[in-house]
Full PDB file with SEQRES, HELIX, SHEET, SSBOND, CRYST1, ORIGX, SCALE, CONECT and MASTER records, all heavy atoms in Angstrom:
SEQRES   1 A   43  ASN LEU MET GLU LEU LEU ILE CYS MET ASP ALA LEU THR          
SEQRES   2 A   43  ARG ALA SER ALA ARG ARG ILE THR ALA VAL ILE PRO TYR          
SEQRES   3 A   43  PHE GLY TYR ALA ARG GLN ASP ARG LYS VAL GLY GLY ARG          
SEQRES   4 A   43  THR PRO ILE THR                                              
HELIX    1 AA1 LEU A    2  ARG A   14  1                                  13    
CRYST1    1.000    1.000    1.000  90.00  90.00  90.00 P 1           1          
ORIGX1      1.000000  0.000000  0.000000        0.00000                         
ORIGX2      0.000000  1.000000  0.000000        0.00000                         
ORIGX3      0.000000  0.000000  1.000000        0.00000                         
SCALE1      1.000000  0.000000  0.000000        0.00000                         
SCALE2      0.000000  1.000000  0.000000        0.00000                         
SCALE3      0.000000  0.000000  1.000000        0.00000                         
ATOM      1  N   ASN A   1     -44.355  47.129 -40.626  1.00  0.00           N  
ATOM      2  CA  ASN A   1     -45.292  47.844 -41.489  1.00  0.00           C  
ATOM      3  C   ASN A   1     -46.564  47.058 -41.735  1.00  0.00           C  
ATOM      4  O   ASN A   1     -47.661  47.635 -41.832  1.00  0.00           O  
ATOM      5  CB  ASN A   1     -44.614  48.208 -42.807  1.00  0.00           C  
ATOM      6  CG  ASN A   1     -43.592  49.319 -42.652  1.00  0.00           C  
ATOM      7  OD1 ASN A   1     -43.715  50.166 -41.779  1.00  0.00           O  
ATOM      8  ND2 ASN A   1     -42.566  49.316 -43.490  1.00  0.00           N  
ATOM      9  N   LEU A   2     -46.439  45.749 -41.836  1.00  0.00           N  
ATOM     10  CA  LEU A   2     -47.630  44.911 -41.985  1.00  0.00           C  
ATOM     11  C   LEU A   2     -48.506  44.999 -40.740  1.00  0.00           C  
ATOM     12  O   LEU A   2     -49.729  45.157 -40.833  1.00  0.00           O  
ATOM     13  CB  LEU A   2     -47.229  43.460 -42.265  1.00  0.00           C  
ATOM     14  CG  LEU A   2     -48.377  42.437 -42.340  1.00  0.00           C  
ATOM     15  CD1 LEU A   2     -49.366  42.815 -43.441  1.00  0.00           C  
ATOM     16  CD2 LEU A   2     -47.830  41.033 -42.571  1.00  0.00           C  
ATOM     17  N   MET A   3     -47.891  44.925 -39.571  1.00  0.00           N  
ATOM     18  CA  MET A   3     -48.664  45.001 -38.330  1.00  0.00           C  
ATOM     19  C   MET A   3     -49.312  46.380 -38.175  1.00  0.00           C  
ATOM     20  O   MET A   3     -50.449  46.486 -37.706  1.00  0.00           O  
ATOM     21  CB  MET A   3     -47.780  44.695 -37.125  1.00  0.00           C  
ATOM     22  CG  MET A   3     -47.430  43.221 -36.973  1.00  0.00           C  
ATOM     23  SD  MET A   3     -48.886  42.135 -36.922  1.00  0.00           S  
ATOM     24  CE  MET A   3     -49.731  42.744 -35.457  1.00  0.00           C  
ATOM     25  N   GLU A   4     -48.627  47.440 -38.574  1.00  0.00           N  
ATOM     26  CA  GLU A   4     -49.245  48.769 -38.553  1.00  0.00           C  
ATOM     27  C   GLU A   4     -50.510  48.786 -39.409  1.00  0.00           C  
ATOM     28  O   GLU A   4     -51.552  49.321 -39.005  1.00  0.00           O  
ATOM     29  CB  GLU A   4     -48.265  49.824 -39.071  1.00  0.00           C  
ATOM     30  CG  GLU A   4     -47.273  50.330 -38.053  1.00  0.00           C  
ATOM     31  CD  GLU A   4     -46.481  51.520 -38.581  1.00  0.00           C  
ATOM     32  OE1 GLU A   4     -46.926  52.147 -39.568  1.00  0.00           O  
ATOM     33  OE2 GLU A   4     -45.412  51.815 -38.012  1.00  0.00           O  
ATOM     34  N   LEU A   5     -50.412  48.208 -40.598  1.00  0.00           N  
ATOM     35  CA  LEU A   5     -51.563  48.152 -41.503  1.00  0.00           C  
ATOM     36  C   LEU A   5     -52.726  47.411 -40.853  1.00  0.00           C  
ATOM     37  O   LEU A   5     -53.864  47.897 -40.834  1.00  0.00           O  
ATOM     38  CB  LEU A   5     -51.148  47.478 -42.807  1.00  0.00           C  
ATOM     39  CG  LEU A   5     -52.262  47.152 -43.808  1.00  0.00           C  
ATOM     40  CD1 LEU A   5     -52.892  48.438 -44.338  1.00  0.00           C  
ATOM     41  CD2 LEU A   5     -51.712  46.307 -44.962  1.00  0.00           C  
ATOM     42  N   LEU A   6     -52.453  46.232 -40.309  1.00  0.00           N  
ATOM     43  CA  LEU A   6     -53.512  45.404 -39.727  1.00  0.00           C  
ATOM     44  C   LEU A   6     -54.142  46.074 -38.502  1.00  0.00           C  
ATOM     45  O   LEU A   6     -55.368  46.089 -38.346  1.00  0.00           O  
ATOM     46  CB  LEU A   6     -52.951  44.030 -39.343  1.00  0.00           C  
ATOM     47  CG  LEU A   6     -52.348  43.192 -40.476  1.00  0.00           C  
ATOM     48  CD1 LEU A   6     -51.782  41.886 -39.930  1.00  0.00           C  
ATOM     49  CD2 LEU A   6     -53.374  42.914 -41.565  1.00  0.00           C  
ATOM     50  N   ILE A   7     -53.305  46.636 -37.640  1.00  0.00           N  
ATOM     51  CA  ILE A   7     -53.817  47.241 -36.405  1.00  0.00           C  
ATOM     52  C   ILE A   7     -54.610  48.507 -36.715  1.00  0.00           C  
ATOM     53  O   ILE A   7     -55.655  48.764 -36.102  1.00  0.00           O  
ATOM     54  CB  ILE A   7     -52.664  47.521 -35.425  1.00  0.00           C  
ATOM     55  CG1 ILE A   7     -52.039  46.194 -34.952  1.00  0.00           C  
ATOM     56  CG2 ILE A   7     -53.144  48.311 -34.218  1.00  0.00           C  
ATOM     57  CD1 ILE A   7     -50.755  46.355 -34.159  1.00  0.00           C  
ATOM     58  N   CYS A   8     -54.147  49.302 -37.661  1.00  0.00           N  
ATOM     59  CA  CYS A   8     -54.901  50.501 -38.048  1.00  0.00           C  
ATOM     60  C   CYS A   8     -56.270  50.125 -38.604  1.00  0.00           C  
ATOM     61  O   CYS A   8     -57.284  50.778 -38.290  1.00  0.00           O  
ATOM     62  CB  CYS A   8     -54.125  51.314 -39.080  1.00  0.00           C  
ATOM     63  SG  CYS A   8     -52.747  52.271 -38.407  1.00  0.00           S  
ATOM     64  N   MET A   9     -56.337  49.079 -39.422  1.00  0.00           N  
ATOM     65  CA  MET A   9     -57.630  48.687 -39.978  1.00  0.00           C  
ATOM     66  C   MET A   9     -58.544  48.107 -38.910  1.00  0.00           C  
ATOM     67  O   MET A   9     -59.763  48.303 -38.944  1.00  0.00           O  
ATOM     68  CB  MET A   9     -57.424  47.702 -41.139  1.00  0.00           C  
ATOM     69  CG  MET A   9     -56.832  48.366 -42.365  1.00  0.00           C  
ATOM     70  SD  MET A   9     -56.934  47.388 -43.874  1.00  0.00           S  
ATOM     71  CE  MET A   9     -55.944  45.965 -43.418  1.00  0.00           C  
ATOM     72  N   ASP A  10     -57.980  47.406 -37.935  1.00  0.00           N  
ATOM     73  CA  ASP A  10     -58.790  46.936 -36.823  1.00  0.00           C  
ATOM     74  C   ASP A  10     -59.356  48.123 -36.039  1.00  0.00           C  
ATOM     75  O   ASP A  10     -60.536  48.119 -35.641  1.00  0.00           O  
ATOM     76  CB  ASP A  10     -57.960  46.051 -35.902  1.00  0.00           C  
ATOM     77  CG  ASP A  10     -58.779  45.456 -34.769  1.00  0.00           C  
ATOM     78  OD1 ASP A  10     -59.589  44.544 -35.031  1.00  0.00           O  
ATOM     79  OD2 ASP A  10     -58.630  45.920 -33.616  1.00  0.00           O  
ATOM     80  N   ALA A  11     -58.537  49.146 -35.829  1.00  0.00           N  
ATOM     81  CA  ALA A  11     -59.000  50.348 -35.138  1.00  0.00           C  
ATOM     82  C   ALA A  11     -60.123  51.028 -35.928  1.00  0.00           C  
ATOM     83  O   ALA A  11     -61.110  51.501 -35.348  1.00  0.00           O  
ATOM     84  CB  ALA A  11     -57.839  51.317 -34.923  1.00  0.00           C  
ATOM     85  N   LEU A  12     -59.996  51.079 -37.249  1.00  0.00           N  
ATOM     86  CA  LEU A  12     -61.021  51.679 -38.088  1.00  0.00           C  
ATOM     87  C   LEU A  12     -62.319  50.880 -38.045  1.00  0.00           C  
ATOM     88  O   LEU A  12     -63.423  51.457 -38.023  1.00  0.00           O  
ATOM     89  CB  LEU A  12     -60.524  51.793 -39.529  1.00  0.00           C  
ATOM     90  CG  LEU A  12     -59.408  52.804 -39.779  1.00  0.00           C  
ATOM     91  CD1 LEU A  12     -58.782  52.590 -41.152  1.00  0.00           C  
ATOM     92  CD2 LEU A  12     -59.930  54.239 -39.649  1.00  0.00           C  
ATOM     93  N   THR A  13     -62.192  49.559 -38.042  1.00  0.00           N  
ATOM     94  CA  THR A  13     -63.383  48.700 -37.949  1.00  0.00           C  
ATOM     95  C   THR A  13     -64.128  48.967 -36.649  1.00  0.00           C  
ATOM     96  O   THR A  13     -65.361  49.111 -36.624  1.00  0.00           O  
ATOM     97  CB  THR A  13     -62.975  47.219 -38.023  1.00  0.00           C  
ATOM     98  OG1 THR A  13     -62.331  46.969 -39.283  1.00  0.00           O  
ATOM     99  CG2 THR A  13     -64.189  46.307 -37.902  1.00  0.00           C  
ATOM    100  N   ARG A  14     -63.377  49.048 -35.564  1.00  0.00           N  
ATOM    101  CA  ARG A  14     -63.989  49.281 -34.247  1.00  0.00           C  
ATOM    102  C   ARG A  14     -64.472  50.722 -34.081  1.00  0.00           C  
ATOM    103  O   ARG A  14     -65.257  51.016 -33.174  1.00  0.00           O  
ATOM    104  CB  ARG A  14     -63.003  48.883 -33.149  1.00  0.00           C  
ATOM    105  CG  ARG A  14     -62.649  47.405 -33.203  1.00  0.00           C  
ATOM    106  CD  ARG A  14     -61.619  46.980 -32.176  1.00  0.00           C  
ATOM    107  NE  ARG A  14     -61.134  45.635 -32.458  1.00  0.00           N  
ATOM    108  CZ  ARG A  14     -61.779  44.512 -32.146  1.00  0.00           C  
ATOM    109  NH1 ARG A  14     -62.957  44.579 -31.524  1.00  0.00           N  
ATOM    110  NH2 ARG A  14     -61.267  43.339 -32.434  1.00  0.00           N  
ATOM    111  N   ALA A  15     -64.001  51.616 -34.962  1.00  0.00           N  
ATOM    112  CA  ALA A  15     -64.481  52.996 -34.971  1.00  0.00           C  
ATOM    113  C   ALA A  15     -65.691  53.166 -35.894  1.00  0.00           C  
ATOM    114  O   ALA A  15     -66.133  54.293 -36.143  1.00  0.00           O  
ATOM    115  CB  ALA A  15     -63.362  53.936 -35.409  1.00  0.00           C  
ATOM    116  N   SER A  16     -66.203  52.040 -36.429  1.00  0.00           N  
ATOM    117  CA  SER A  16     -67.426  52.019 -37.248  1.00  0.00           C  
ATOM    118  C   SER A  16     -67.275  52.715 -38.592  1.00  0.00           C  
ATOM    119  O   SER A  16     -68.205  53.357 -39.087  1.00  0.00           O  
ATOM    120  CB  SER A  16     -68.605  52.636 -36.480  1.00  0.00           C  
ATOM    121  OG  SER A  16     -68.840  51.939 -35.283  1.00  0.00           O  
ATOM    122  N   ALA A  17     -66.070  52.609 -39.212  1.00  0.00           N  
ATOM    123  CA  ALA A  17     -65.908  53.120 -40.577  1.00  0.00           C  
ATOM    124  C   ALA A  17     -66.840  52.344 -41.508  1.00  0.00           C  
ATOM    125  O   ALA A  17     -67.017  51.141 -41.369  1.00  0.00           O  
ATOM    126  CB  ALA A  17     -64.461  52.964 -41.022  1.00  0.00           C  
ATOM    127  N   ARG A  18     -67.440  53.057 -42.462  1.00  0.00           N  
ATOM    128  CA  ARG A  18     -68.393  52.409 -43.374  1.00  0.00           C  
ATOM    129  C   ARG A  18     -67.693  51.460 -44.339  1.00  0.00           C  
ATOM    130  O   ARG A  18     -68.172  50.359 -44.605  1.00  0.00           O  
ATOM    131  CB  ARG A  18     -69.160  53.484 -44.161  1.00  0.00           C  
ATOM    132  CG  ARG A  18     -70.115  52.917 -45.212  1.00  0.00           C  
ATOM    133  CD  ARG A  18     -70.960  54.029 -45.832  1.00  0.00           C  
ATOM    134  NE  ARG A  18     -70.120  55.049 -46.457  1.00  0.00           N  
ATOM    135  CZ  ARG A  18     -69.649  54.959 -47.696  1.00  0.00           C  
ATOM    136  NH1 ARG A  18     -69.890  53.891 -48.443  1.00  0.00           N  
ATOM    137  NH2 ARG A  18     -68.918  55.947 -48.200  1.00  0.00           N  
ATOM    138  N   ARG A  19     -66.572  51.913 -44.899  1.00  0.00           N  
ATOM    139  CA  ARG A  19     -65.802  51.079 -45.824  1.00  0.00           C  
ATOM    140  C   ARG A  19     -64.332  51.374 -45.638  1.00  0.00           C  
ATOM    141  O   ARG A  19     -63.941  52.528 -45.490  1.00  0.00           O  
ATOM    142  CB  ARG A  19     -66.224  51.334 -47.274  1.00  0.00           C  
ATOM    143  CG  ARG A  19     -65.445  50.484 -48.285  1.00  0.00           C  
ATOM    144  CD  ARG A  19     -65.985  50.625 -49.698  1.00  0.00           C  
ATOM    145  NE  ARG A  19     -65.767  51.967 -50.239  1.00  0.00           N  
ATOM    146  CZ  ARG A  19     -66.067  52.317 -51.493  1.00  0.00           C  
ATOM    147  NH1 ARG A  19     -66.629  51.431 -52.305  1.00  0.00           N  
ATOM    148  NH2 ARG A  19     -65.842  53.548 -51.927  1.00  0.00           N  
ATOM    149  N   ILE A  20     -63.513  50.322 -45.634  1.00  0.00           N  
ATOM    150  CA  ILE A  20     -62.068  50.473 -45.472  1.00  0.00           C  
ATOM    151  C   ILE A  20     -61.388  49.880 -46.705  1.00  0.00           C  
ATOM    152  O   ILE A  20     -61.573  48.701 -47.017  1.00  0.00           O  
ATOM    153  CB  ILE A  20     -61.561  49.745 -44.211  1.00  0.00           C  
ATOM    154  CG1 ILE A  20     -62.295  50.246 -42.963  1.00  0.00           C  
ATOM    155  CG2 ILE A  20     -60.053  49.931 -44.055  1.00  0.00           C  
ATOM    156  CD1 ILE A  20     -62.081  49.369 -41.735  1.00  0.00           C  
ATOM    157  N   THR A  21     -60.609  50.717 -47.378  1.00  0.00           N  
ATOM    158  CA  THR A  21     -59.821  50.247 -48.521  1.00  0.00           C  
ATOM    159  C   THR A  21     -58.353  50.270 -48.132  1.00  0.00           C  
ATOM    160  O   THR A  21     -57.817  51.318 -47.763  1.00  0.00           O  
ATOM    161  CB  THR A  21     -60.048  51.137 -49.756  1.00  0.00           C  
ATOM    162  OG1 THR A  21     -61.426  51.117 -50.112  1.00  0.00           O  
ATOM    163  CG2 THR A  21     -59.222  50.637 -50.942  1.00  0.00           C  
ATOM    164  N   ALA A  22     -57.712  49.103 -48.200  1.00  0.00           N  
ATOM    165  CA  ALA A  22     -56.274  49.015 -47.929  1.00  0.00           C  
ATOM    166  C   ALA A  22     -55.523  49.372 -49.207  1.00  0.00           C  
ATOM    167  O   ALA A  22     -55.597  48.640 -50.201  1.00  0.00           O  
ATOM    168  CB  ALA A  22     -55.913  47.609 -47.474  1.00  0.00           C  
ATOM    169  N   VAL A  23     -54.860  50.518 -49.201  1.00  0.00           N  
ATOM    170  CA  VAL A  23     -54.067  50.962 -50.353  1.00  0.00           C  
ATOM    171  C   VAL A  23     -52.627  50.538 -50.083  1.00  0.00           C  
ATOM    172  O   VAL A  23     -51.946  51.116 -49.234  1.00  0.00           O  
ATOM    173  CB  VAL A  23     -54.167  52.482 -50.548  1.00  0.00           C  
ATOM    174  CG1 VAL A  23     -53.362  52.922 -51.769  1.00  0.00           C  
ATOM    175  CG2 VAL A  23     -55.626  52.906 -50.677  1.00  0.00           C  
ATOM    176  N   ILE A  24     -52.166  49.516 -50.807  1.00  0.00           N  
ATOM    177  CA  ILE A  24     -50.868  48.898 -50.533  1.00  0.00           C  
ATOM    178  C   ILE A  24     -50.009  49.040 -51.787  1.00  0.00           C  
ATOM    179  O   ILE A  24     -49.994  48.161 -52.664  1.00  0.00           O  
ATOM    180  CB  ILE A  24     -51.027  47.408 -50.156  1.00  0.00           C  
ATOM    181  CG1 ILE A  24     -52.103  47.252 -49.076  1.00  0.00           C  
ATOM    182  CG2 ILE A  24     -49.704  46.818 -49.686  1.00  0.00           C  
ATOM    183  CD1 ILE A  24     -52.446  45.811 -48.766  1.00  0.00           C  
ATOM    184  N   PRO A  25     -49.292  50.166 -51.923  1.00  0.00           N  
ATOM    185  CA  PRO A  25     -48.481  50.367 -53.141  1.00  0.00           C  
ATOM    186  C   PRO A  25     -47.497  49.229 -53.391  1.00  0.00           C  
ATOM    187  O   PRO A  25     -47.273  48.846 -54.542  1.00  0.00           O  
ATOM    188  CB  PRO A  25     -47.768  51.693 -52.863  1.00  0.00           C  
ATOM    189  CG  PRO A  25     -48.663  52.399 -51.900  1.00  0.00           C  
ATOM    190  CD  PRO A  25     -49.234  51.335 -51.032  1.00  0.00           C  
ATOM    191  N   TYR A  26     -46.878  48.716 -52.323  1.00  0.00           N  
ATOM    192  CA  TYR A  26     -46.004  47.548 -52.452  1.00  0.00           C  
ATOM    193  C   TYR A  26     -46.518  46.453 -51.527  1.00  0.00           C  
ATOM    194  O   TYR A  26     -46.551  46.629 -50.315  1.00  0.00           O  
ATOM    195  CB  TYR A  26     -44.559  47.888 -52.097  1.00  0.00           C  
ATOM    196  CG  TYR A  26     -43.656  46.669 -51.996  1.00  0.00           C  
ATOM    197  CD1 TYR A  26     -43.386  45.892 -53.120  1.00  0.00           C  
ATOM    198  CD2 TYR A  26     -43.100  46.281 -50.778  1.00  0.00           C  
ATOM    199  CE1 TYR A  26     -42.582  44.762 -53.040  1.00  0.00           C  
ATOM    200  CE2 TYR A  26     -42.290  45.150 -50.691  1.00  0.00           C  
ATOM    201  CZ  TYR A  26     -42.036  44.397 -51.821  1.00  0.00           C  
ATOM    202  OH  TYR A  26     -41.249  43.279 -51.735  1.00  0.00           O  
ATOM    203  N   PHE A  27     -46.955  45.347 -52.121  1.00  0.00           N  
ATOM    204  CA  PHE A  27     -47.505  44.224 -51.369  1.00  0.00           C  
ATOM    205  C   PHE A  27     -46.374  43.235 -51.072  1.00  0.00           C  
ATOM    206  O   PHE A  27     -45.919  42.513 -51.956  1.00  0.00           O  
ATOM    207  CB  PHE A  27     -48.622  43.555 -52.173  1.00  0.00           C  
ATOM    208  CG  PHE A  27     -49.286  42.402 -51.475  1.00  0.00           C  
ATOM    209  CD1 PHE A  27     -50.233  42.619 -50.485  1.00  0.00           C  
ATOM    210  CD2 PHE A  27     -48.966  41.091 -51.807  1.00  0.00           C  
ATOM    211  CE1 PHE A  27     -50.851  41.554 -49.839  1.00  0.00           C  
ATOM    212  CE2 PHE A  27     -49.573  40.022 -51.178  1.00  0.00           C  
ATOM    213  CZ  PHE A  27     -50.512  40.258 -50.183  1.00  0.00           C  
ATOM    214  N   GLY A  28     -45.892  43.254 -49.826  1.00  0.00           N  
ATOM    215  CA  GLY A  28     -44.805  42.361 -49.434  1.00  0.00           C  
ATOM    216  C   GLY A  28     -45.256  40.919 -49.269  1.00  0.00           C  
ATOM    217  O   GLY A  28     -46.444  40.618 -49.302  1.00  0.00           O  
ATOM    218  N   TYR A  29     -44.306  40.034 -49.093  1.00  0.00           N  
ATOM    219  CA  TYR A  29     -44.543  38.593 -48.972  1.00  0.00           C  
ATOM    220  C   TYR A  29     -45.155  37.989 -50.239  1.00  0.00           C  
ATOM    221  O   TYR A  29     -45.644  36.866 -50.224  1.00  0.00           O  
ATOM    222  CB  TYR A  29     -45.420  38.276 -47.760  1.00  0.00           C  
ATOM    223  CG  TYR A  29     -44.693  38.353 -46.435  1.00  0.00           C  
ATOM    224  CD1 TYR A  29     -44.924  39.403 -45.553  1.00  0.00           C  
ATOM    225  CD2 TYR A  29     -43.761  37.386 -46.077  1.00  0.00           C  
ATOM    226  CE1 TYR A  29     -44.251  39.489 -44.340  1.00  0.00           C  
ATOM    227  CE2 TYR A  29     -43.090  37.457 -44.870  1.00  0.00           C  
ATOM    228  CZ  TYR A  29     -43.330  38.506 -44.007  1.00  0.00           C  
ATOM    229  OH  TYR A  29     -42.653  38.583 -42.808  1.00  0.00           O  
ATOM    230  N   ALA A  30     -45.141  38.744 -51.346  1.00  0.00           N  
ATOM    231  CA  ALA A  30     -45.779  38.273 -52.575  1.00  0.00           C  
ATOM    232  C   ALA A  30     -44.928  37.269 -53.337  1.00  0.00           C  
ATOM    233  O   ALA A  30     -45.441  36.537 -54.185  1.00  0.00           O  
ATOM    234  CB  ALA A  30     -46.092  39.463 -53.484  1.00  0.00           C  
ATOM    235  N   ARG A  31     -43.634  37.213 -53.047  1.00  0.00           N  
ATOM    236  CA  ARG A  31     -42.764  36.312 -53.816  1.00  0.00           C  
ATOM    237  C   ARG A  31     -42.969  34.847 -53.435  1.00  0.00           C  
ATOM    238  O   ARG A  31     -42.577  33.955 -54.184  1.00  0.00           O  
ATOM    239  CB  ARG A  31     -41.301  36.720 -53.628  1.00  0.00           C  
ATOM    240  CG  ARG A  31     -40.916  37.939 -54.452  1.00  0.00           C  
ATOM    241  CD  ARG A  31     -39.537  38.451 -54.144  1.00  0.00           C  
ATOM    242  NE  ARG A  31     -39.508  39.203 -52.895  1.00  0.00           N  
ATOM    243  CZ  ARG A  31     -38.436  39.832 -52.438  1.00  0.00           C  
ATOM    244  NH1 ARG A  31     -37.316  39.798 -53.144  1.00  0.00           N  
ATOM    245  NH2 ARG A  31     -38.491  40.504 -51.311  1.00  0.00           N  
ATOM    246  N   GLN A  32     -43.599  34.609 -52.290  1.00  0.00           N  
ATOM    247  CA  GLN A  32     -43.951  33.238 -51.913  1.00  0.00           C  
ATOM    248  C   GLN A  32     -45.428  33.034 -52.243  1.00  0.00           C  
ATOM    249  O   GLN A  32     -46.290  33.040 -51.384  1.00  0.00           O  
ATOM    250  CB  GLN A  32     -43.682  33.017 -50.424  1.00  0.00           C  
ATOM    251  CG  GLN A  32     -42.216  33.182 -50.044  1.00  0.00           C  
ATOM    252  CD  GLN A  32     -41.988  33.066 -48.552  1.00  0.00           C  
ATOM    253  OE1 GLN A  32     -42.048  31.972 -47.990  1.00  0.00           O  
ATOM    254  NE2 GLN A  32     -41.736  34.196 -47.900  1.00  0.00           N  
ATOM    255  N   ASP A  33     -45.700  32.868 -53.539  1.00  0.00           N  
ATOM    256  CA  ASP A  33     -47.084  32.772 -53.997  1.00  0.00           C  
ATOM    257  C   ASP A  33     -47.495  31.337 -54.348  1.00  0.00           C  
ATOM    258  O   ASP A  33     -48.583  31.098 -54.868  1.00  0.00           O  
ATOM    259  CB  ASP A  33     -47.312  33.686 -55.200  1.00  0.00           C  
ATOM    260  CG  ASP A  33     -46.404  33.358 -56.373  1.00  0.00           C  
ATOM    261  OD1 ASP A  33     -45.471  32.546 -56.203  1.00  0.00           O  
ATOM    262  OD2 ASP A  33     -46.621  33.918 -57.466  1.00  0.00           O  
ATOM    263  N   ARG A  34     -46.606  30.373 -54.081  1.00  0.00           N  
ATOM    264  CA  ARG A  34     -46.899  28.962 -54.337  1.00  0.00           C  
ATOM    265  C   ARG A  34     -45.899  28.130 -53.552  1.00  0.00           C  
ATOM    266  O   ARG A  34     -44.864  28.651 -53.110  1.00  0.00           O  
ATOM    267  CB  ARG A  34     -46.794  28.644 -55.835  1.00  0.00           C  
ATOM    268  CG  ARG A  34     -45.387  28.824 -56.385  1.00  0.00           C  
ATOM    269  CD  ARG A  34     -45.368  28.837 -57.895  1.00  0.00           C  
ATOM    270  NE  ARG A  34     -44.014  28.892 -58.433  1.00  0.00           N  
ATOM    271  CZ  ARG A  34     -43.272  29.999 -58.501  1.00  0.00           C  
ATOM    272  NH1 ARG A  34     -43.755  31.144 -58.040  1.00  0.00           N  
ATOM    273  NH2 ARG A  34     -42.075  29.960 -59.023  1.00  0.00           N  
ATOM    274  N   LYS A  35     -46.198  26.862 -53.401  1.00  0.00           N  
ATOM    275  CA  LYS A  35     -45.249  25.978 -52.727  1.00  0.00           C  
ATOM    276  C   LYS A  35     -44.124  25.614 -53.688  1.00  0.00           C  
ATOM    277  O   LYS A  35     -44.367  25.078 -54.764  1.00  0.00           O  
ATOM    278  CB  LYS A  35     -45.954  24.702 -52.245  1.00  0.00           C  
ATOM    279  CG  LYS A  35     -46.800  24.906 -50.989  1.00  0.00           C  
ATOM    280  CD  LYS A  35     -47.479  23.617 -50.566  1.00  0.00           C  
ATOM    281  CE  LYS A  35     -46.468  22.602 -50.026  1.00  0.00           C  
ATOM    282  NZ  LYS A  35     -45.905  23.009 -48.726  1.00  0.00           N  
ATOM    283  N   VAL A  36     -42.912  25.945 -53.313  1.00  0.00           N  
ATOM    284  CA  VAL A  36     -41.763  25.653 -54.165  1.00  0.00           C  
ATOM    285  C   VAL A  36     -41.039  24.392 -53.707  1.00  0.00           C  
ATOM    286  O   VAL A  36     -40.066  23.982 -54.318  1.00  0.00           O  
ATOM    287  CB  VAL A  36     -40.780  26.842 -54.193  1.00  0.00           C  
ATOM    288  CG1 VAL A  36     -41.433  28.050 -54.828  1.00  0.00           C  
ATOM    289  CG2 VAL A  36     -40.309  27.196 -52.778  1.00  0.00           C  
ATOM    290  N   GLY A  37     -41.509  23.804 -52.637  1.00  0.00           N  
ATOM    291  CA  GLY A  37     -40.902  22.586 -52.102  1.00  0.00           C  
ATOM    292  C   GLY A  37     -41.720  22.111 -50.919  1.00  0.00           C  
ATOM    293  O   GLY A  37     -42.705  22.735 -50.523  1.00  0.00           O  
ATOM    294  N   GLY A  38     -41.310  20.986 -50.387  1.00  0.00           N  
ATOM    295  CA  GLY A  38     -42.018  20.451 -49.237  1.00  0.00           C  
ATOM    296  C   GLY A  38     -41.884  21.330 -48.012  1.00  0.00           C  
ATOM    297  O   GLY A  38     -40.852  21.947 -47.783  1.00  0.00           O  
ATOM    298  N   ARG A  39     -42.992  21.418 -47.251  1.00  0.00           N  
ATOM    299  CA  ARG A  39     -43.008  22.119 -45.961  1.00  0.00           C  
ATOM    300  C   ARG A  39     -42.635  23.599 -46.094  1.00  0.00           C  
ATOM    301  O   ARG A  39     -41.920  24.144 -45.268  1.00  0.00           O  
ATOM    302  CB  ARG A  39     -42.082  21.414 -44.958  1.00  0.00           C  
ATOM    303  CG  ARG A  39     -42.503  19.973 -44.669  1.00  0.00           C  
ATOM    304  CD  ARG A  39     -41.437  19.193 -43.928  1.00  0.00           C  
ATOM    305  NE  ARG A  39     -40.204  19.063 -44.674  1.00  0.00           N  
ATOM    306  CZ  ARG A  39     -40.021  18.217 -45.686  1.00  0.00           C  
ATOM    307  NH1 ARG A  39     -41.003  17.417 -46.065  1.00  0.00           N  
ATOM    308  NH2 ARG A  39     -38.864  18.150 -46.306  1.00  0.00           N  
ATOM    309  N   THR A  40     -43.118  24.239 -47.158  1.00  0.00           N  
ATOM    310  CA  THR A  40     -42.917  25.678 -47.341  1.00  0.00           C  
ATOM    311  C   THR A  40     -44.275  26.382 -47.348  1.00  0.00           C  
ATOM    312  O   THR A  40     -45.285  25.791 -47.733  1.00  0.00           O  
ATOM    313  CB  THR A  40     -42.172  25.997 -48.654  1.00  0.00           C  
ATOM    314  OG1 THR A  40     -42.919  25.458 -49.760  1.00  0.00           O  
ATOM    315  CG2 THR A  40     -40.771  25.401 -48.640  1.00  0.00           C  
ATOM    316  N   PRO A  41     -44.320  27.656 -46.926  1.00  0.00           N  
ATOM    317  CA  PRO A  41     -45.604  28.366 -46.827  1.00  0.00           C  
ATOM    318  C   PRO A  41     -45.987  29.053 -48.128  1.00  0.00           C  
ATOM    319  O   PRO A  41     -45.174  29.186 -49.054  1.00  0.00           O  
ATOM    320  CB  PRO A  41     -45.318  29.405 -45.741  1.00  0.00           C  
ATOM    321  CG  PRO A  41     -43.871  29.759 -45.988  1.00  0.00           C  
ATOM    322  CD  PRO A  41     -43.202  28.467 -46.417  1.00  0.00           C  
ATOM    323  N   ILE A  42     -47.218  29.505 -48.184  1.00  0.00           N  
ATOM    324  CA  ILE A  42     -47.675  30.402 -49.251  1.00  0.00           C  
ATOM    325  C   ILE A  42     -48.037  31.707 -48.556  1.00  0.00           C  
ATOM    326  O   ILE A  42     -49.180  31.947 -48.167  1.00  0.00           O  
ATOM    327  CB  ILE A  42     -48.869  29.816 -50.032  1.00  0.00           C  
ATOM    328  CG1 ILE A  42     -48.506  28.446 -50.610  1.00  0.00           C  
ATOM    329  CG2 ILE A  42     -49.290  30.762 -51.163  1.00  0.00           C  
ATOM    330  CD1 ILE A  42     -49.628  27.764 -51.362  1.00  0.00           C  
ATOM    331  N   THR A  43     -47.034  32.557 -48.354  1.00  0.00           N  
ATOM    332  CA  THR A  43     -47.228  33.744 -47.525  1.00  0.00           C  
ATOM    333  C   THR A  43     -48.142  34.773 -48.177  1.00  0.00           C  
ATOM    334  O   THR A  43     -48.805  35.542 -47.473  1.00  0.00           O  
ATOM    335  CB  THR A  43     -45.877  34.405 -47.204  1.00  0.00           C  
ATOM    336  OG1 THR A  43     -45.193  34.705 -48.428  1.00  0.00           O  
ATOM    337  CG2 THR A  43     -45.008  33.487 -46.352  1.00  0.00           C  
TER     338      THR A  43                                                      
MASTER        0    0    0    1    0    0    0    6  337    1    0    4          
END                                                                             
C-alpha cells in the first residue's frame, strides 16, 4: 500500500498535476518515531 501511494504520486507529478495532497487516513510505520536502542531506524 505504501508503494501504491508513492508510485501513484510519482505518476501524478509526471502528469503535471498542479498540487498533490496525500490523504493518508492511517499513517503506517508511525510507531517507530524515535530510536529505542542502538542500530534501530526511525521509520
